Amino acid sequence: MLNVVEEYEINPFTLWIEPVWIEGFMYSRIVEVEEEIMVKAKPIDIIKKSCEYFGSDYNGRRKGTRYLTGYTHKAPIEIEKSFSLYMFPTTSPDRDNCIWIALSNIKQYMKDGPFCTRVVYRNKKQICLSMSFSAFETQFARTAILKNKLEQNVMETKRRYALADQET
């Protein structure tokens, strides 16, 4: 049974967000670890709203991704750092068929036909994406690289300031 809500924020239980057309309106079907939720909003709007909920904005997150990684096309987004919430689009975020995938909770992914990549989550939920295996692998790797660069920057800053603390 689908839970229909007015608003939604991405959280550690979010697995993916996909567009669904109902009576001429675009909704988002959000699959979480334990439940599925419907929101009358585009997936990109949920991404943007979630960035704002956690104190940033989508354009700023995109700019940060571009600065750290150079990625400009189908850029992954850090939604929130302390929960390790990273999402990546399956196609251009401006397209109506774009699905957003959460990096966390992915157990494995495999080729399931020429243009189908099956993603399996730790809780055994699965989605078959209409994209090539290599395109998915690239998006997955780019998101992991973004996450790693951000974590390295935090660790380096902590190291620097820990040293400065010891000198005083």
Protein backbone atom coordinates (compact mmCIF):
# COMPACT_ATOMS: atom_id res chain seq x y z
CA MET A 1 0.00 0.00 0.00
CA LEU A 2 1.31 3.41 -0.97
CA ASN A 3 1.47 6.19 1.54
CA VAL A 4 0.51 9.52 -0.13
CA VAL A 5 2.08 12.61 1.46
CA GLU A 6 2.21 16.34 0.68
CA GLU A 7 5.99 16.76 1.12
CA TYR A 8 8.98 14.49 1.42
CA GLU A 9 12.60 14.86 2.48
CA ILE A 10 15.24 12.38 1.42
CA ASN A 11 16.46 10.38 4.40
CA PRO A 12 18.68 7.36 5.19
CA PHE A 13 15.81 5.02 4.23
CA THR A 14 15.38 6.46 0.71
CA LEU A 15 16.38 4.00 -2.03
CA TRP A 16 15.15 5.68 -5.21
CA ILE A 17 12.74 8.29 -6.54
CA GLU A 18 11.01 7.72 -9.85
CA PRO A 19 8.47 9.74 -11.86
CA VAL A 20 4.95 8.38 -12.27
CA TRP A 21 2.20 9.94 -14.38
CA ILE A 22 -1.28 9.83 -12.83
CA GLU A 23 -4.22 11.48 -14.60
CA GLY A 24 -1.95 13.91 -16.44
CA PHE A 25 0.07 14.94 -13.38
CA MET A 26 3.59 13.91 -12.48
CA TYR A 27 4.03 12.29 -9.11
CA SER A 28 7.11 10.85 -7.49
CA ARG A 29 7.11 7.28 -6.29
CA ILE A 30 9.65 7.08 -3.51
CA VAL A 31 10.84 3.64 -2.53
CA GLU A 32 12.23 3.38 0.98
CA VAL A 33 13.64 0.43 2.87
CA GLU A 34 10.27 -0.41 4.48
CA GLU A 35 7.61 1.48 2.50
CA GLU A 36 6.65 3.26 -0.71
CA ILE A 37 5.47 6.85 -0.76
CA MET A 38 3.77 8.99 -3.41
CA VAL A 39 4.16 12.77 -3.64
CA LYS A 40 2.52 15.06 -6.19
CA ALA A 41 5.83 16.58 -7.29
CA LYS A 42 8.58 15.89 -9.81
CA PRO A 43 11.60 13.94 -8.54
CA ILE A 44 13.85 16.98 -9.18
CA ASP A 45 11.57 19.06 -6.96
CA ILE A 46 12.03 16.54 -4.14
CA ILE A 47 15.80 16.69 -4.64
CA LYS A 48 15.72 20.50 -4.49
CA LYS A 49 13.40 20.59 -1.47
CA SER A 50 15.58 18.06 0.38
CA CYS A 51 18.69 20.17 -0.22
CA GLU A 52 16.83 23.17 1.23
CA TYR A 53 15.53 21.14 4.17
CA PHE A 54 19.14 20.37 5.11
CA GLY A 55 20.25 24.00 4.75
CA SER A 56 21.58 24.25 1.22
CA ASP A 57 20.18 24.57 -2.26
CA TYR A 58 20.35 22.39 -5.34
CA ASN A 59 22.28 24.90 -7.48
CA GLY A 60 24.85 25.36 -4.72
CA ARG A 61 25.24 21.58 -4.39
CA ARG A 62 25.66 21.26 -8.17
CA LYS A 63 28.23 24.06 -8.15
CA GLY A 64 30.12 22.32 -5.33
CA THR A 65 30.09 19.03 -7.24
CA ARG A 66 31.43 20.78 -10.34
CA TYR A 67 34.16 22.53 -8.30
CA LEU A 68 35.34 19.33 -6.58
CA THR A 69 35.00 16.86 -9.45
CA GLY A 70 34.55 18.74 -12.71
CA TYR A 71 31.27 16.88 -13.35
CA THR A 72 28.75 19.06 -15.14
CA HIS A 73 26.45 16.53 -16.86
CA LYS A 74 24.19 14.28 -14.78
CA ALA A 75 26.06 15.45 -11.69
CA PRO A 76 25.60 13.56 -8.42
CA ILE A 77 24.37 15.59 -5.46
CA GLU A 78 25.23 15.52 -1.79
CA ILE A 79 21.88 16.02 -0.05
CA GLU A 80 23.24 15.89 3.50
CA LYS A 81 26.67 14.93 4.85
CA SER A 82 26.11 13.56 8.36
CA PHE A 83 23.60 10.97 7.11
CA SER A 84 25.75 10.31 4.02
CA LEU A 85 22.85 11.14 1.69
CA TYR A 86 24.09 11.15 -1.90
CA MET A 87 21.82 10.87 -4.93
CA PHE A 88 22.54 10.52 -8.62
CA PRO A 89 20.32 10.88 -11.70
CA THR A 90 19.91 8.17 -14.33
CA THR A 91 19.63 10.78 -17.09
CA SER A 92 19.56 14.55 -17.31
CA PRO A 93 17.65 15.85 -14.26
CA ASP A 94 15.64 18.09 -16.61
CA ARG A 95 14.10 15.08 -18.38
CA ASP A 96 10.73 13.78 -17.24
CA ASN A 97 11.97 10.17 -17.12
CA CYS A 98 14.87 10.86 -14.74
CA ILE A 99 15.08 8.50 -11.77
CA TRP A 100 17.21 9.47 -8.76
CA ILE A 101 19.18 6.71 -7.06
CA ALA A 102 20.50 6.84 -3.49
CA LEU A 103 24.10 5.68 -3.21
CA SER A 104 23.66 4.12 0.22
CA ASN A 105 22.02 0.73 0.67
CA ILE A 106 23.03 -0.53 -2.80
CA LYS A 107 24.24 -4.10 -2.40
CA GLN A 108 25.04 -4.82 -6.05
CA TYR A 109 24.14 -3.97 -9.62
CA MET A 110 24.34 -6.07 -12.75
CA LYS A 111 23.65 -6.05 -16.46
CA ASP A 112 20.17 -7.41 -17.16
CA GLY A 113 19.94 -6.93 -20.92
CA PRO A 114 21.41 -4.41 -23.39
CA PHE A 115 19.71 -1.38 -21.86
CA CYS A 116 18.69 -2.60 -18.44
CA THR A 117 20.72 -2.44 -15.28
CA ARG A 118 19.33 -4.20 -12.24
CA VAL A 119 20.08 -2.56 -8.90
CA VAL A 120 19.70 -4.72 -5.80
CA TYR A 121 19.52 -3.16 -2.36
CA ARG A 122 20.53 -4.65 0.99
CA ASN A 123 16.88 -5.28 1.87
CA LYS A 124 16.46 -7.25 -1.42
CA LYS A 125 14.34 -4.58 -3.16
CA GLN A 126 15.27 -4.16 -6.80
CA ILE A 127 14.79 -1.77 -9.68
CA CYS A 128 15.53 -2.40 -13.34
CA LEU A 129 16.75 0.85 -14.89
CA SER A 130 16.50 1.60 -18.60
CA MET A 131 20.15 2.46 -18.93
CA SER A 132 23.27 0.64 -19.95
CA PHE A 133 25.42 -1.06 -17.36
CA SER A 134 28.41 1.17 -18.21
CA ALA A 135 26.31 4.35 -17.83
CA PHE A 136 25.08 3.18 -14.42
CA GLU A 137 28.58 2.18 -13.37
CA THR A 138 29.86 5.62 -14.35
CA GLN A 139 27.14 7.38 -12.32
CA PHE A 140 27.76 5.11 -9.33
CA ALA A 141 31.53 5.75 -9.49
CA ARG A 142 31.12 9.51 -9.90
CA THR A 143 28.92 9.63 -6.81
CA ALA A 144 31.41 7.57 -4.81
CA ILE A 145 34.20 9.89 -5.97
CA LEU A 146 32.22 12.98 -4.88
CA LYS A 147 31.55 11.40 -1.48
CA ASN A 148 35.22 10.46 -1.09
CA LYS A 149 36.48 13.95 -2.03
CA LEU A 150 34.13 15.61 0.46
CA GLU A 151 35.16 13.18 3.21
CA GLN A 152 38.85 13.76 2.42
CA ASN A 153 38.36 17.53 2.68
CA VAL A 154 36.70 17.15 6.08
CA MET A 155 39.47 14.81 7.31
CA GLU A 156 42.20 17.16 6.05
CA THR A 157 40.59 20.12 7.77
CA LYS A 158 40.26 18.18 11.03
CA ARG A 159 43.90 17.10 10.77
CA ARG A 160 45.10 20.66 10.12
CA TYR A 161 43.15 22.14 12.99
CA ALA A 162 44.13 19.33 15.35
CA LEU A 163 47.79 20.14 14.61
CA ALA A 164 47.19 23.84 15.12
CA ASP A 165 45.52 23.05 18.47
CA GLN A 166 48.57 21.08 19.62
CA GLU A 167 50.95 23.94 18.79
CA THR A 168 49.16 26.43 21.08
